[in-house]
Structures are given as structure tokens and as C-alpha cells.
Protein backbone atom coordinates (compact mmCIF):
# COMPACT_ATOMS: atom_id res chain seq x y z
CA MET A 1 -4.71 -4.52 -7.00
CA CYS A 2 -3.24 -2.91 -3.90
CA VAL A 3 -5.20 -3.31 -0.65
CA LEU A 4 -3.93 -0.79 1.88
CA ALA A 5 -4.96 1.02 5.02
CA HIS A 6 -4.76 4.80 4.52
CA PRO A 7 -4.59 7.54 1.91
CA ASP A 8 -0.88 8.05 1.04
CA ASP A 9 0.00 4.35 1.59
CA GLU A 10 -0.53 3.88 -2.14
CA SER A 11 1.99 6.60 -3.06
CA LEU A 12 4.66 6.00 -0.43
CA GLY A 13 4.41 2.21 -0.33
CA THR A 14 3.54 1.11 -3.84
CA GLY A 15 3.47 4.24 -6.01
CA GLY A 16 6.38 3.32 -8.25
CA THR A 17 5.03 -0.14 -9.00
CA LEU A 18 1.52 1.16 -9.66
CA ALA A 19 2.80 3.91 -11.98
CA LYS A 20 5.11 1.51 -13.84
CA CYS A 21 2.38 -1.08 -14.33
CA ALA A 22 -0.12 1.56 -15.47
CA ALA A 23 2.40 2.94 -17.96
CA GLU A 24 2.78 -0.58 -19.38
CA GLY A 25 -0.96 -0.90 -19.90
CA VAL A 26 -1.74 -2.99 -16.83
CA ALA A 27 -5.13 -2.25 -15.25
CA THR A 28 -4.37 -1.05 -11.72
CA TYR A 29 -6.83 -0.89 -8.83
CA LEU A 30 -6.72 0.30 -5.22
CA VAL A 31 -8.79 -0.62 -2.20
CA THR A 32 -8.17 1.59 0.85
CA ALA A 33 -9.62 0.60 4.21
CA THR A 34 -9.99 4.05 5.81
CA ARG A 35 -10.00 7.73 4.88
CA GLY A 36 -7.21 8.55 7.33
CA GLU A 37 -9.52 10.88 9.20
CA ARG A 38 -7.43 10.83 12.37
CA GLY A 39 -4.21 11.79 10.60
CA ARG A 40 -2.45 15.14 10.42
CA PHE A 41 -4.09 18.16 8.84
CA GLY A 42 -1.32 20.42 7.63
CA GLU A 43 0.48 22.42 10.29
CA SER A 44 -2.53 22.54 12.59
CA ASN A 45 -2.06 21.19 16.11
CA VAL A 46 -5.84 20.94 16.43
CA PRO A 47 -7.22 19.32 13.27
CA PRO A 48 -10.82 19.79 12.15
CA ALA A 49 -13.51 17.22 12.81
CA PRO A 50 -12.64 13.72 11.55
CA ASP A 51 -15.23 13.84 8.75
CA ILE A 52 -13.65 17.01 7.35
CA VAL A 53 -10.17 15.49 7.49
CA GLY A 54 -11.49 12.31 5.88
CA LYS A 55 -13.07 14.18 2.97
CA ALA A 56 -9.85 16.13 2.38
CA ARG A 57 -7.73 13.00 2.44
CA GLU A 58 -10.08 11.16 0.12
CA ALA A 59 -9.77 14.00 -2.39
CA GLU A 60 -5.98 13.90 -2.02
CA LEU A 61 -5.91 10.15 -2.62
CA ARG A 62 -8.03 10.48 -5.76
CA ALA A 63 -5.68 13.16 -7.08
CA ALA A 64 -2.69 10.92 -6.33
CA ALA A 65 -4.43 8.00 -8.04
CA SER A 66 -4.75 10.11 -11.18
CA GLU A 67 -1.01 10.81 -11.14
CA LEU A 68 -0.27 7.11 -10.75
CA GLY A 69 -2.63 6.08 -13.53
CA LEU A 70 -4.97 4.03 -11.35
CA ARG A 71 -8.09 2.78 -13.06
CA GLU A 72 -10.27 2.60 -9.94
CA VAL A 73 -10.20 3.54 -6.25
CA ASN A 74 -12.53 2.10 -3.63
CA PHE A 75 -12.86 2.62 0.13
CA LEU A 76 -13.93 0.02 2.68
CA ASP A 77 -15.30 2.82 4.91
CA TYR A 78 -13.69 1.66 8.14
CA PRO A 79 -12.52 3.99 10.93
CA ASP A 80 -8.94 5.23 10.89
CA GLY A 81 -6.89 3.87 13.78
CA ALA A 82 -9.38 1.12 14.59
CA LEU A 83 -9.13 -1.32 11.70
CA ASP A 84 -8.14 -4.11 14.07
CA THR A 85 -11.48 -3.72 15.92
CA VAL A 86 -13.86 -4.11 12.97
CA ASP A 87 -15.87 -7.27 12.33
CA PRO A 88 -13.34 -9.45 10.49
CA ALA A 89 -16.01 -11.43 8.66
CA ASP A 90 -17.48 -8.22 7.26
CA ALA A 91 -14.10 -6.84 6.20
CA ILE A 92 -12.98 -10.12 4.62
CA ALA A 93 -16.23 -10.34 2.68
CA LYS A 94 -15.83 -6.77 1.38
CA ILE A 95 -12.27 -7.38 0.20
CA ALA A 96 -13.13 -10.79 -1.27
CA GLY A 97 -15.97 -9.10 -3.14
CA HIS A 98 -13.52 -6.74 -4.80
CA PHE A 99 -11.32 -9.71 -5.75
CA ARG A 100 -14.24 -11.54 -7.34
CA ARG A 101 -15.48 -8.43 -9.14
CA VAL A 102 -12.14 -7.15 -10.49
CA ARG A 103 -10.39 -10.56 -10.68
CA PRO A 104 -6.81 -9.30 -10.19
CA GLN A 105 -3.87 -11.51 -11.06
CA VAL A 106 -1.52 -9.77 -8.59
CA VAL A 107 -2.34 -8.39 -5.14
CA ILE A 108 -0.05 -6.24 -2.97
CA THR A 109 -0.58 -5.35 0.68
CA PHE A 110 1.42 -4.69 3.85
CA GLY A 111 3.46 -7.42 5.49
CA PRO A 112 2.65 -8.89 8.91
CA ASP A 113 4.93 -6.30 10.54
CA GLY A 114 2.75 -3.47 9.30
CA ALA A 115 5.92 -1.68 8.09
CA TYR A 116 6.56 -0.15 11.50
CA GLY A 117 4.04 -1.90 13.71
CA HIS A 118 1.03 0.20 12.72
CA PRO A 119 -2.07 -1.77 13.85
CA ASP A 120 -4.08 -0.69 10.80
CA HIS A 121 -1.32 -1.91 8.48
CA ILE A 122 -1.12 -5.23 10.31
CA ALA A 123 -4.91 -5.60 10.21
CA ILE A 124 -5.18 -4.97 6.47
CA SER A 125 -2.41 -7.52 5.87
CA GLN A 126 -4.31 -10.17 7.80
CA LEU A 127 -7.70 -9.31 6.30
CA THR A 128 -6.38 -9.23 2.73
CA THR A 129 -4.63 -12.57 3.07
CA ALA A 130 -7.79 -14.17 4.45
CA ALA A 131 -9.89 -12.58 1.69
CA ILE A 132 -7.66 -14.12 -0.99
CA VAL A 133 -8.41 -17.57 0.42
CA CYS A 134 -12.15 -16.85 0.69
CA ALA A 135 -12.42 -15.33 -2.80
CA ALA A 136 -11.06 -18.58 -4.29
CA ASP A 137 -13.32 -20.84 -2.22
CA PRO A 138 -16.46 -21.99 -4.09
CA SER A 139 -18.19 -22.57 -0.74
CA PHE A 140 -17.71 -18.92 0.29
CA ALA A 141 -21.08 -17.31 -0.46
CA HIS A 142 -20.84 -13.80 -1.89
CA PRO A 143 -23.08 -11.90 -4.32
CA MET A 144 -20.14 -10.34 -6.19
CA GLY A 145 -19.56 -13.11 -8.69
CA GLU A 146 -17.79 -16.39 -9.26
CA PRO A 147 -14.78 -17.56 -7.23
CA HIS A 148 -11.45 -16.07 -8.26
CA ARG A 149 -7.95 -17.35 -7.54
CA VAL A 150 -5.29 -14.64 -7.25
CA ASP A 151 -2.10 -15.75 -9.00
CA LYS A 152 0.43 -13.85 -6.88
CA LEU A 153 0.44 -12.12 -3.48
CA TYR A 154 3.13 -9.67 -2.39
CA PHE A 155 3.96 -7.94 0.87
CA ILE A 156 5.64 -4.53 0.88
CA ALA A 157 9.19 -5.24 2.10
CA TRP A 158 11.94 -2.71 2.72
CA SER A 159 15.63 -3.59 2.76
CA PRO A 160 17.95 -2.01 5.34
CA LYS A 161 19.38 0.35 2.70
CA LYS A 162 15.92 1.50 1.60
CA TRP A 163 14.71 2.00 5.17
CA THR A 164 17.78 4.09 5.96
CA ALA A 165 17.19 6.33 2.95
CA TYR A 166 13.48 6.56 3.66
CA GLN A 167 13.86 7.53 7.30
CA ALA A 168 16.68 9.99 6.52
CA ALA A 169 14.37 11.74 4.07
CA LEU A 170 11.33 11.68 6.35
CA ARG A 171 11.63 10.90 10.05
CA LYS A 172 12.17 8.05 12.44
CA LEU A 173 9.26 5.71 11.84
CA VAL A 174 7.73 4.70 15.15
CA PHE A 175 4.26 3.93 16.43
CA ASN A 176 3.09 3.81 20.05
CA VAL A 177 0.70 0.99 20.89
CA ASP A 178 -0.53 0.44 24.44
CA GLY A 179 2.37 2.50 25.80
CA GLU A 180 4.98 0.53 23.87
CA GLU A 181 7.04 2.09 21.09
CA ARG A 182 7.19 0.06 17.90
CA GLN A 183 9.95 0.85 15.41
CA ALA A 184 10.52 -0.02 11.81
CA VAL A 185 12.51 -3.21 11.35
CA PRO A 186 13.79 -3.72 7.79
CA TRP A 187 13.58 -7.06 6.04
CA PRO A 188 16.94 -8.81 5.58
CA ASP A 189 18.28 -8.51 2.05
CA TRP A 190 18.05 -12.27 1.48
CA ALA A 191 14.30 -12.17 2.17
CA ILE A 192 13.58 -9.66 -0.59
CA THR A 193 12.23 -11.69 -3.51
CA THR A 194 11.35 -8.87 -5.89
CA VAL A 195 12.97 -5.55 -6.79
CA ILE A 196 11.16 -3.37 -9.31
CA ASP A 197 13.02 -0.73 -11.32
CA THR A 198 10.78 2.33 -11.07
CA SER A 199 13.40 4.92 -12.03
CA ARG A 200 11.49 6.02 -15.12
CA VAL A 201 8.31 6.83 -13.20
CA TRP A 202 9.73 8.45 -10.05
CA PRO A 203 8.48 11.95 -11.07
CA ALA A 204 4.92 10.59 -11.14
CA VAL A 205 5.44 9.07 -7.70
CA TRP A 206 6.67 12.37 -6.31
CA ARG A 207 3.69 14.19 -7.83
CA ALA A 208 1.40 11.60 -6.21
CA VAL A 209 3.09 12.01 -2.82
CA SER A 210 2.76 15.79 -3.19
CA CYS A 211 -1.01 15.44 -3.65
CA HIS A 212 -1.28 14.50 0.02
CA LYS A 213 -1.03 18.13 1.09
CA THR A 214 -2.52 17.65 4.56
CA GLN A 215 0.36 15.27 5.31
CA MET A 216 3.16 17.41 3.89
CA ALA A 217 4.19 18.63 7.33
CA ILE A 218 5.62 15.11 7.75
CA TYR A 219 7.13 15.02 4.27
CA ARG A 220 8.61 18.54 4.27
CA LYS A 221 12.18 17.24 3.95
CA LEU A 222 11.27 15.54 0.69
CA GLU A 223 10.75 18.89 -1.01
CA GLU A 224 14.37 19.80 -0.28
CA LEU A 225 15.87 16.71 -1.91
CA SER A 226 17.68 16.92 -5.23
CA ASP A 227 16.40 15.00 -8.25
CA ASP A 228 19.19 12.46 -7.72
CA HIS A 229 18.08 11.86 -4.15
CA GLN A 230 14.44 11.63 -5.22
CA ARG A 231 15.42 9.06 -7.83
CA ALA A 232 17.34 7.06 -5.23
CA LEU A 233 14.32 7.07 -2.92
CA TRP A 234 11.65 6.23 -5.50
CA GLY A 235 13.75 4.53 -8.19
CA THR A 236 13.17 0.99 -6.92
CA GLN A 237 10.53 -0.82 -4.89
CA GLU A 238 10.98 -4.04 -2.97
CA PHE A 239 8.57 -6.83 -2.12
CA TYR A 240 8.31 -10.27 -0.57
CA ARG A 241 6.49 -12.79 -2.78
CA VAL A 242 4.19 -14.54 -0.34
CA PHE A 243 2.97 -17.04 -2.90
CA SER A 244 2.84 -17.55 -6.63
CA GLY A 245 0.97 -20.06 -8.72
CA VAL A 246 3.11 -19.31 -11.76
CA ASN A 247 6.76 -19.06 -10.70
CA GLY A 248 9.18 -19.52 -7.82
CA GLY A 249 12.78 -20.18 -6.86
CA ARG A 250 15.63 -18.19 -5.33
CA GLU A 251 16.29 -15.93 -8.30
CA ARG A 252 15.20 -12.38 -7.53
CA GLU A 253 12.31 -11.10 -9.64
CA SER A 254 12.30 -7.75 -11.44
CA ASP A 255 8.61 -7.84 -12.32
CA VAL A 256 5.54 -8.64 -10.22
CA PHE A 257 4.03 -10.15 -13.38
CA GLU A 258 6.89 -12.59 -13.87
CA GLY A 259 5.35 -15.87 -14.95
CA LEU A 260 2.18 -14.14 -16.14
CA ARG A 261 3.28 -12.07 -19.13
């Protein structure tokens, strides 16, 4: 299960891993906190009302989910751009409820850096991590079923080489918060615990990314890339293994289900 902040996070951040797992018969699920209703809307400088944008982006995400082979998509129904202001107890309970209902072995979310300092990404990282603890706690009251202990938690982690390729293909990744510019800071290579070979599913990832048509003004450069460049961009995905109840050590993983298969 991936727990992410916005429509398109699933394709850009975890698409290759989701598509690969689905192709191998793994049941894949997505929980998205918002509908991205304050995001771009094509080439328009004045987007429509947030509810219209949100409906369009939800439809795009569901189309992308189909390309990636996702079994189920759920929304937490929180406001885009304000995830760090919601009631944390409510959000944690919602996410923990999905954990107890679906009972995933592996969970993936953003790291504490939010990729490039995005407050929504940081918030969903914190909320998801707390929900994993609560879902496993027998004393945590929730109507969605018995306690469930997640076996492995991963953060999305980008190496310097991957960040360079990503930003060259898209744009400089920055986010302004309270008048301060936050920039993407890649993880050091030695901190990457897991590298997934997604070269066989990169066409599905690109189709999923292309479903997010309202955002394609940002991704326009991607359409101009050769197949070789697309493969280089989407052919691997990198993660930091936050914890695992089934494996460990310094050796780099090539499978998020290592220790579980």
C-alpha cells in the first residue's frame, strides 16, 4: 500500500514499483490524502474552481491507477495544500483504518524531507508513520477490524544521479514555504537501502504519468524524451527501508518483499 499526498504522486514517485508488483500478482493499494484541487489545470493561468480541478484530478488518478494495475484507490478527503493543518488524530485514525482493513505487508510513503520540502508530503509521511504504530496497537480503538502489524515501511528516496535526471527532464524542484525557498536534496547513495529494477514496466509508468493531463504543462519535456531516456528515468526506483520485521543488514535490496516471499 502506498500512502501519498496528491494525484500523480503515485505515478511519479512509486509507479514503477506499483506496476512491477501488480504484474507479479501482488495486490496493490493506494491511499491519497487530497485531490490536488489547488494544482495546475493545463495551460490555464486561472484554473477553475477547486472542486472542478479536484474532480478532474481524481479521474486522472483513477485512470493512472488502471495503467499501474492497482486493485483499489481511496481518498482521505483532505484539502490540498493544507494537510499539515488537519486534525492529526482524525487523519491517523483514517489511515490506520485502511491498514487494519487491507492488512498490507509493505507500506510506502514520502520521507521526512517531503521530497523537496512540500508540506503535504511531509505531513503524510508523519501521519502514515504514526498510523502504522496505532494500527498495530491493540489498545487503539477503531471500528475497522483487528490490530495489524505492517512488516516493512519504506520512504521514497532519490539518489543524486536520479534527482539530476529527474530535474533535467522536468524542472528545478522547489517549494516556497513562508517566504523561504525549499529545494530538493537527494539522499546520499549509502543511505539508499533498496533499488527496484522497473525497466520492464516503464511503458506502463509513462502511460500512467500521461493520464495526469491537467499537469502535463509541467511534464511537457517528458514527451520529447527518447525511449532510452524514458527507460533511464523510470527503469529503477529507490527507497529507504525505515524498518523491517523480516530482514535487515547493509546489503542493498532489489525487492520490497525481500524476506516475505
